[in-house]
Amino acid sequence: DRYEEMIENYHPGLGDHRWPLVTHFVGC
């Protein structure tokens, strides 16, 4: 739900909460 916020404020290459390297759909 924060992807749009990430696009607005950050950039690829960070890998952390600002732009996650992996998004894991645990429980789905």
PDB file of all heavy atoms in Angstrom:
ATOM      1  N   ASP A   1       0.819  -1.220   0.000  1.00  0.00           N
ATOM      2  CA  ASP A   1       0.000   0.000   0.000  1.00  0.00           C
ATOM      3  C   ASP A   1       0.850   1.267   0.000  1.00  0.00           C
ATOM      4  O   ASP A   1       0.317   2.371  -0.103  1.00  0.00           O
ATOM      5  CB  ASP A   1      -0.935   0.010   1.218  1.00  0.00           C
ATOM      6  CG  ASP A   1      -2.008  -1.059   1.130  1.00  0.00           C
ATOM      7  OD1 ASP A   1      -2.466  -1.334  -0.002  1.00  0.00           O
ATOM      8  OD2 ASP A   1      -2.368  -1.643   2.168  1.00  0.00           O
ATOM      9  N   ARG A   2       2.167   1.109   0.097  1.00  0.00           N
ATOM     10  CA  ARG A   2       3.070   2.253   0.122  1.00  0.00           C
ATOM     11  C   ARG A   2       3.865   2.413  -1.174  1.00  0.00           C
ATOM     12  O   ARG A   2       4.740   3.277  -1.254  1.00  0.00           O
ATOM     13  CB  ARG A   2       4.046   2.120   1.299  1.00  0.00           C
ATOM     14  CG  ARG A   2       3.390   2.138   2.676  1.00  0.00           C
ATOM     15  CD  ARG A   2       4.431   2.030   3.805  1.00  0.00           C
ATOM     16  NE  ARG A   2       5.551   2.922   3.574  1.00  0.00           N
ATOM     17  CZ  ARG A   2       6.808   2.509   3.400  1.00  0.00           C
ATOM     18  NH1 ARG A   2       7.110   1.215   3.435  1.00  0.00           N
ATOM     19  NH2 ARG A   2       7.771   3.387   3.184  1.00  0.00           N
ATOM     20  N   TYR A   3       3.586   1.601  -2.171  1.00  0.00           N
ATOM     21  CA  TYR A   3       4.370   1.670  -3.411  1.00  0.00           C
ATOM     22  C   TYR A   3       4.331   3.065  -4.043  1.00  0.00           C
ATOM     23  O   TYR A   3       5.360   3.583  -4.490  1.00  0.00           O
ATOM     24  CB  TYR A   3       3.864   0.647  -4.426  1.00  0.00           C
ATOM     25  CG  TYR A   3       4.302  -0.783  -4.160  1.00  0.00           C
ATOM     26  CD1 TYR A   3       3.533  -1.846  -4.601  1.00  0.00           C
ATOM     27  CD2 TYR A   3       5.487  -1.066  -3.490  1.00  0.00           C
ATOM     28  CE1 TYR A   3       3.923  -3.156  -4.388  1.00  0.00           C
ATOM     29  CE2 TYR A   3       5.882  -2.373  -3.265  1.00  0.00           C
ATOM     30  CZ  TYR A   3       5.093  -3.422  -3.722  1.00  0.00           C
ATOM     31  OH  TYR A   3       5.486  -4.711  -3.514  1.00  0.00           O
ATOM     32  N   GLU A   4       3.159   3.672  -4.101  1.00  0.00           N
ATOM     33  CA  GLU A   4       3.067   5.000  -4.704  1.00  0.00           C
ATOM     34  C   GLU A   4       3.896   6.022  -3.919  1.00  0.00           C
ATOM     35  O   GLU A   4       4.541   6.899  -4.497  1.00  0.00           O
ATOM     36  CB  GLU A   4       1.610   5.455  -4.798  1.00  0.00           C
ATOM     37  CG  GLU A   4       0.801   4.759  -5.883  1.00  0.00           C
ATOM     38  CD  GLU A   4       0.263   3.406  -5.471  1.00  0.00           C
ATOM     39  OE1 GLU A   4       0.500   3.004  -4.312  1.00  0.00           O
ATOM     40  OE2 GLU A   4      -0.389   2.742  -6.291  1.00  0.00           O
ATOM     41  N   GLU A   5       3.874   5.907  -2.604  1.00  0.00           N
ATOM     42  CA  GLU A   5       4.701   6.789  -1.759  1.00  0.00           C
ATOM     43  C   GLU A   5       6.187   6.573  -2.049  1.00  0.00           C
ATOM     44  O   GLU A   5       6.967   7.531  -2.113  1.00  0.00           O
ATOM     45  CB  GLU A   5       4.407   6.496  -0.288  1.00  0.00           C
ATOM     46  CG  GLU A   5       5.291   7.239   0.700  1.00  0.00           C
ATOM     47  CD  GLU A   5       5.154   6.722   2.114  1.00  0.00           C
ATOM     48  OE1 GLU A   5       4.132   6.071   2.423  1.00  0.00           O
ATOM     49  OE2 GLU A   5       6.088   6.941   2.917  1.00  0.00           O
ATOM     50  N   MET A   6       6.571   5.324  -2.230  1.00  0.00           N
ATOM     51  CA  MET A   6       7.981   5.021  -2.550  1.00  0.00           C
ATOM     52  C   MET A   6       8.384   5.647  -3.878  1.00  0.00           C
ATOM     53  O   MET A   6       9.466   6.236  -4.008  1.00  0.00           O
ATOM     54  CB  MET A   6       8.179   3.500  -2.616  1.00  0.00           C
ATOM     55  CG  MET A   6       7.950   2.771  -1.313  1.00  0.00           C
ATOM     56  SD  MET A   6       8.062   0.975  -1.549  1.00  0.00           S
ATOM     57  CE  MET A   6       7.395   0.387   0.002  1.00  0.00           C
ATOM     58  N   ILE A   7       7.513   5.525  -4.877  1.00  0.00           N
ATOM     59  CA  ILE A   7       7.793   6.092  -6.201  1.00  0.00           C
ATOM     60  C   ILE A   7       7.951   7.606  -6.107  1.00  0.00           C
ATOM     61  O   ILE A   7       8.806   8.204  -6.768  1.00  0.00           O
ATOM     62  CB  ILE A   7       6.673   5.708  -7.185  1.00  0.00           C
ATOM     63  CG1 ILE A   7       6.689   4.197  -7.432  1.00  0.00           C
ATOM     64  CG2 ILE A   7       6.814   6.454  -8.506  1.00  0.00           C
ATOM     65  CD1 ILE A   7       5.478   3.679  -8.178  1.00  0.00           C
ATOM     66  N   GLU A   8       7.133   8.227  -5.267  1.00  0.00           N
ATOM     67  CA  GLU A   8       7.145   9.678  -5.116  1.00  0.00           C
ATOM     68  C   GLU A   8       8.407  10.174  -4.405  1.00  0.00           C
ATOM     69  O   GLU A   8       8.961  11.221  -4.753  1.00  0.00           O
ATOM     70  CB  GLU A   8       5.904  10.120  -4.325  1.00  0.00           C
ATOM     71  CG  GLU A   8       5.783  11.618  -4.104  1.00  0.00           C
ATOM     72  CD  GLU A   8       5.430  12.376  -5.381  1.00  0.00           C
ATOM     73  OE1 GLU A   8       4.877  11.760  -6.315  1.00  0.00           O
ATOM     74  OE2 GLU A   8       5.721  13.592  -5.430  1.00  0.00           O
ATOM     75  N   ASN A   9       8.882   9.417  -3.420  1.00  0.00           N
ATOM     76  CA  ASN A   9       9.931   9.931  -2.535  1.00  0.00           C
ATOM     77  C   ASN A   9      11.296   9.258  -2.662  1.00  0.00           C
ATOM     78  O   ASN A   9      12.297   9.833  -2.222  1.00  0.00           O
ATOM     79  CB  ASN A   9       9.469   9.805  -1.081  1.00  0.00           C
ATOM     80  CG  ASN A   9       8.246  10.648  -0.784  1.00  0.00           C
ATOM     81  OD1 ASN A   9       8.234  11.855  -1.030  1.00  0.00           O
ATOM     82  ND2 ASN A   9       7.198  10.020  -0.268  1.00  0.00           N
ATOM     83  N   TYR A  10      11.340   8.078  -3.242  1.00  0.00           N
ATOM     84  CA  TYR A  10      12.603   7.339  -3.241  1.00  0.00           C
ATOM     85  C   TYR A  10      12.934   6.824  -4.641  1.00  0.00           C
ATOM     86  O   TYR A  10      12.367   7.290  -5.625  1.00  0.00           O
ATOM     87  CB  TYR A  10      12.533   6.190  -2.223  1.00  0.00           C
ATOM     88  CG  TYR A  10      12.227   6.655  -0.824  1.00  0.00           C
ATOM     89  CD1 TYR A  10      10.989   6.371  -0.230  1.00  0.00           C
ATOM     90  CD2 TYR A  10      13.148   7.394  -0.098  1.00  0.00           C
ATOM     91  CE1 TYR A  10      10.689   6.815   1.049  1.00  0.00           C
ATOM     92  CE2 TYR A  10      12.859   7.839   1.192  1.00  0.00           C
ATOM     93  CZ  TYR A  10      11.632   7.554   1.751  1.00  0.00           C
ATOM     94  OH  TYR A  10      11.335   7.999   3.012  1.00  0.00           O
ATOM     95  N   HIS A  11      13.828   5.858  -4.722  1.00  0.00           N
ATOM     96  CA  HIS A  11      14.277   5.371  -6.018  1.00  0.00           C
ATOM     97  C   HIS A  11      14.779   3.934  -5.874  1.00  0.00           C
ATOM     98  O   HIS A  11      15.127   3.489  -4.766  1.00  0.00           O
ATOM     99  CB  HIS A  11      15.412   6.262  -6.551  1.00  0.00           C
ATOM    100  CG  HIS A  11      16.555   6.390  -5.594  1.00  0.00           C
ATOM    101  ND1 HIS A  11      17.550   5.434  -5.464  1.00  0.00           N
ATOM    102  CD2 HIS A  11      16.863   7.358  -4.686  1.00  0.00           C
ATOM    103  CE1 HIS A  11      18.406   5.801  -4.543  1.00  0.00           C
ATOM    104  NE2 HIS A  11      18.021   6.975  -4.035  1.00  0.00           N
ATOM    105  N   PRO A  12      14.833   3.180  -6.962  1.00  0.00           N
ATOM    106  CA  PRO A  12      15.360   1.812  -6.894  1.00  0.00           C
ATOM    107  C   PRO A  12      16.822   1.802  -6.456  1.00  0.00           C
ATOM    108  O   PRO A  12      17.545   2.785  -6.618  1.00  0.00           O
ATOM    109  CB  PRO A  12      15.216   1.313  -8.341  1.00  0.00           C
ATOM    110  CG  PRO A  12      14.188   2.196  -8.957  1.00  0.00           C
ATOM    111  CD  PRO A  12      14.356   3.530  -8.306  1.00  0.00           C
ATOM    112  N   GLY A  13      17.235   0.681  -5.911  1.00  0.00           N
ATOM    113  CA  GLY A  13      18.617   0.525  -5.492  1.00  0.00           C
ATOM    114  C   GLY A  13      18.799   0.549  -3.991  1.00  0.00           C
ATOM    115  O   GLY A  13      19.890   0.260  -3.492  1.00  0.00           O
ATOM    116  N   LEU A  14      17.745   0.885  -3.251  1.00  0.00           N
ATOM    117  CA  LEU A  14      17.842   0.989  -1.794  1.00  0.00           C
ATOM    118  C   LEU A  14      17.648  -0.366  -1.113  1.00  0.00           C
ATOM    119  O   LEU A  14      18.298  -0.675  -0.125  1.00  0.00           O
ATOM    120  CB  LEU A  14      16.824   1.997  -1.264  1.00  0.00           C
ATOM    121  CG  LEU A  14      17.004   3.432  -1.794  1.00  0.00           C
ATOM    122  CD1 LEU A  14      15.807   4.299  -1.411  1.00  0.00           C
ATOM    123  CD2 LEU A  14      18.300   4.032  -1.261  1.00  0.00           C
ATOM    124  N   GLY A  15      16.706  -1.155  -1.602  1.00  0.00           N
ATOM    125  CA  GLY A  15      16.524  -2.519  -1.132  1.00  0.00           C
ATOM    126  C   GLY A  15      15.832  -2.691   0.198  1.00  0.00           C
ATOM    127  O   GLY A  15      15.523  -3.811   0.601  1.00  0.00           O
ATOM    128  N   ASP A  16      15.554  -1.584   0.907  1.00  0.00           N
ATOM    129  CA  ASP A  16      14.983  -1.686   2.249  1.00  0.00           C
ATOM    130  C   ASP A  16      13.527  -1.230   2.259  1.00  0.00           C
ATOM    131  O   ASP A  16      12.841  -1.315   1.244  1.00  0.00           O
ATOM    132  CB  ASP A  16      15.831  -0.897   3.244  1.00  0.00           C
ATOM    133  CG  ASP A  16      16.022   0.574   2.826  1.00  0.00           C
ATOM    134  OD1 ASP A  16      15.239   1.063   1.990  1.00  0.00           O
ATOM    135  OD2 ASP A  16      16.957   1.228   3.334  1.00  0.00           O
ATOM    136  N   HIS A  17      13.049  -0.711   3.402  1.00  0.00           N
ATOM    137  CA  HIS A  17      11.661  -0.292   3.526  1.00  0.00           C
ATOM    138  C   HIS A  17      11.306   0.837   2.562  1.00  0.00           C
ATOM    139  O   HIS A  17      10.135   1.046   2.252  1.00  0.00           O
ATOM    140  CB  HIS A  17      11.368   0.159   4.964  1.00  0.00           C
ATOM    141  CG  HIS A  17      12.154   1.369   5.381  1.00  0.00           C
ATOM    142  ND1 HIS A  17      13.487   1.309   5.728  1.00  0.00           N
ATOM    143  CD2 HIS A  17      11.796   2.684   5.477  1.00  0.00           C
ATOM    144  CE1 HIS A  17      13.910   2.520   6.037  1.00  0.00           C
ATOM    145  NE2 HIS A  17      12.916   3.371   5.899  1.00  0.00           N
ATOM    146  N   ARG A  18      12.317   1.555   2.066  1.00  0.00           N
ATOM    147  CA  ARG A  18      12.054   2.652   1.132  1.00  0.00           C
ATOM    148  C   ARG A  18      11.813   2.148  -0.288  1.00  0.00           C
ATOM    149  O   ARG A  18      11.134   2.832  -1.072  1.00  0.00           O
ATOM    150  CB  ARG A  18      13.237   3.631   1.145  1.00  0.00           C
ATOM    151  CG  ARG A  18      13.458   4.317   2.479  1.00  0.00           C
ATOM    152  CD  ARG A  18      14.802   5.011   2.521  1.00  0.00           C
ATOM    153  NE  ARG A  18      15.913   4.059   2.442  1.00  0.00           N
ATOM    154  CZ  ARG A  18      17.194   4.402   2.387  1.00  0.00           C
ATOM    155  NH1 ARG A  18      17.523   5.693   2.393  1.00  0.00           N
ATOM    156  NH2 ARG A  18      18.140   3.479   2.336  1.00  0.00           N
ATOM    157  N   TRP A  19      12.374   0.976  -0.603  1.00  0.00           N
ATOM    158  CA  TRP A  19      12.196   0.375  -1.932  1.00  0.00           C
ATOM    159  C   TRP A  19      12.651  -1.083  -1.809  1.00  0.00           C
ATOM    160  O   TRP A  19      13.816  -1.400  -2.031  1.00  0.00           O
ATOM    161  CB  TRP A  19      13.020   1.119  -2.986  1.00  0.00           C
ATOM    162  CG  TRP A  19      12.521   0.907  -4.385  1.00  0.00           C
ATOM    163  CD1 TRP A  19      12.587  -0.240  -5.119  1.00  0.00           C
ATOM    164  CD2 TRP A  19      11.857   1.866  -5.224  1.00  0.00           C
ATOM    165  NE1 TRP A  19      12.008  -0.064  -6.351  1.00  0.00           N
ATOM    166  CE2 TRP A  19      11.560   1.218  -6.446  1.00  0.00           C
ATOM    167  CE3 TRP A  19      11.500   3.204  -5.067  1.00  0.00           C
ATOM    168  CZ2 TRP A  19      10.917   1.865  -7.493  1.00  0.00           C
ATOM    169  CZ3 TRP A  19      10.853   3.849  -6.111  1.00  0.00           C
ATOM    170  CH2 TRP A  19      10.571   3.192  -7.307  1.00  0.00           C
ATOM    171  N   PRO A  20      11.760  -1.989  -1.435  1.00  0.00           N
ATOM    172  CA  PRO A  20      12.156  -3.342  -1.025  1.00  0.00           C
ATOM    173  C   PRO A  20      12.734  -4.194  -2.150  1.00  0.00           C
ATOM    174  O   PRO A  20      12.190  -4.238  -3.250  1.00  0.00           O
ATOM    175  CB  PRO A  20      10.844  -3.934  -0.514  1.00  0.00           C
ATOM    176  CG  PRO A  20       9.776  -3.178  -1.254  1.00  0.00           C
ATOM    177  CD  PRO A  20      10.306  -1.781  -1.403  1.00  0.00           C
ATOM    178  N   LEU A  21      13.826  -4.870  -1.823  1.00  0.00           N
ATOM    179  CA  LEU A  21      14.411  -5.792  -2.788  1.00  0.00           C
ATOM    180  C   LEU A  21      13.430  -6.913  -3.130  1.00  0.00           C
ATOM    181  O   LEU A  21      13.231  -7.255  -4.296  1.00  0.00           O
ATOM    182  CB  LEU A  21      15.699  -6.400  -2.220  1.00  0.00           C
ATOM    183  CG  LEU A  21      16.331  -7.538  -3.020  1.00  0.00           C
ATOM    184  CD1 LEU A  21      16.717  -7.083  -4.420  1.00  0.00           C
ATOM    185  CD2 LEU A  21      17.519  -8.125  -2.285  1.00  0.00           C
ATOM    186  N   VAL A  22      12.824  -7.495  -2.101  1.00  0.00           N
ATOM    187  CA  VAL A  22      11.876  -8.605  -2.281  1.00  0.00           C
ATOM    188  C   VAL A  22      10.572  -8.276  -1.576  1.00  0.00           C
ATOM    189  O   VAL A  22      10.580  -7.799  -0.439  1.00  0.00           O
ATOM    190  CB  VAL A  22      12.460  -9.918  -1.701  1.00  0.00           C
ATOM    191  CG1 VAL A  22      11.409 -11.024  -1.696  1.00  0.00           C
ATOM    192  CG2 VAL A  22      13.692 -10.359  -2.491  1.00  0.00           C
ATOM    193  N   THR A  23       9.469  -8.514  -2.260  1.00  0.00           N
ATOM    194  CA  THR A  23       8.150  -8.460  -1.629  1.00  0.00           C
ATOM    195  C   THR A  23       7.635  -9.890  -1.553  1.00  0.00           C
ATOM    196  O   THR A  23       7.519 -10.562  -2.575  1.00  0.00           O
ATOM    197  CB  THR A  23       7.169  -7.580  -2.425  1.00  0.00           C
ATOM    198  OG1 THR A  23       7.671  -6.235  -2.475  1.00  0.00           O
ATOM    199  CG2 THR A  23       5.797  -7.568  -1.764  1.00  0.00           C
ATOM    200  N   HIS A  24       7.366 -10.336  -0.341  1.00  0.00           N
ATOM    201  CA  HIS A  24       7.028 -11.741  -0.094  1.00  0.00           C
ATOM    202  C   HIS A  24       5.597 -11.840   0.419  1.00  0.00           C
ATOM    203  O   HIS A  24       5.260 -11.270   1.462  1.00  0.00           O
ATOM    204  CB  HIS A  24       8.014 -12.302   0.940  1.00  0.00           C
ATOM    205  CG  HIS A  24       7.886 -13.769   1.161  1.00  0.00           C
ATOM    206  ND1 HIS A  24       8.544 -14.421   2.182  1.00  0.00           N
ATOM    207  CD2 HIS A  24       7.195 -14.733   0.488  1.00  0.00           C
ATOM    208  CE1 HIS A  24       8.267 -15.711   2.131  1.00  0.00           C
ATOM    209  NE2 HIS A  24       7.439 -15.915   1.125  1.00  0.00           N
ATOM    210  N   PHE A  25       4.776 -12.574  -0.308  1.00  0.00           N
ATOM    211  CA  PHE A  25       3.349 -12.674   0.016  1.00  0.00           C
ATOM    212  C   PHE A  25       3.090 -13.815   0.996  1.00  0.00           C
ATOM    213  O   PHE A  25       2.368 -14.768   0.704  1.00  0.00           O
ATOM    214  CB  PHE A  25       2.537 -12.798  -1.263  1.00  0.00           C
ATOM    215  CG  PHE A  25       2.447 -11.505  -2.017  1.00  0.00           C
ATOM    216  CD1 PHE A  25       3.449 -11.123  -2.895  1.00  0.00           C
ATOM    217  CD2 PHE A  25       1.391 -10.636  -1.806  1.00  0.00           C
ATOM    218  CE1 PHE A  25       3.391  -9.913  -3.575  1.00  0.00           C
ATOM    219  CE2 PHE A  25       1.314  -9.426  -2.470  1.00  0.00           C
ATOM    220  CZ  PHE A  25       2.317  -9.062  -3.353  1.00  0.00           C
ATOM    221  N   VAL A  26       3.662 -13.672   2.180  1.00  0.00           N
ATOM    222  CA  VAL A  26       3.486 -14.648   3.253  1.00  0.00           C
ATOM    223  C   VAL A  26       2.010 -14.741   3.628  1.00  0.00           C
ATOM    224  O   VAL A  26       1.351 -13.718   3.819  1.00  0.00           O
ATOM    225  CB  VAL A  26       4.314 -14.227   4.487  1.00  0.00           C
ATOM    226  CG1 VAL A  26       4.120 -15.226   5.621  1.00  0.00           C
ATOM    227  CG2 VAL A  26       5.785 -14.101   4.128  1.00  0.00           C
ATOM    228  N   GLY A  27       1.504 -15.958   3.749  1.00  0.00           N
ATOM    229  CA  GLY A  27       0.114 -16.144   4.164  1.00  0.00           C
ATOM    230  C   GLY A  27      -0.885 -16.110   3.039  1.00  0.00           C
ATOM    231  O   GLY A  27      -2.067 -16.395   3.246  1.00  0.00           O
ATOM    232  N   CYS A  28      -0.442 -15.757   1.838  1.00  0.00           N
ATOM    233  CA  CYS A  28      -1.330 -15.784   0.669  1.00  0.00           C
ATOM    234  C   CYS A  28      -1.244 -17.162   0.018  1.00  0.00           C
ATOM    235  O   CYS A  28      -0.150 -17.601  -0.372  1.00  0.00           O
ATOM    236  CB  CYS A  28      -0.913 -14.719  -0.349  1.00  0.00           C
ATOM    237  SG  CYS A  28      -1.530 -13.070   0.032  1.00  0.00           S
TER     238      CYS A  28
END
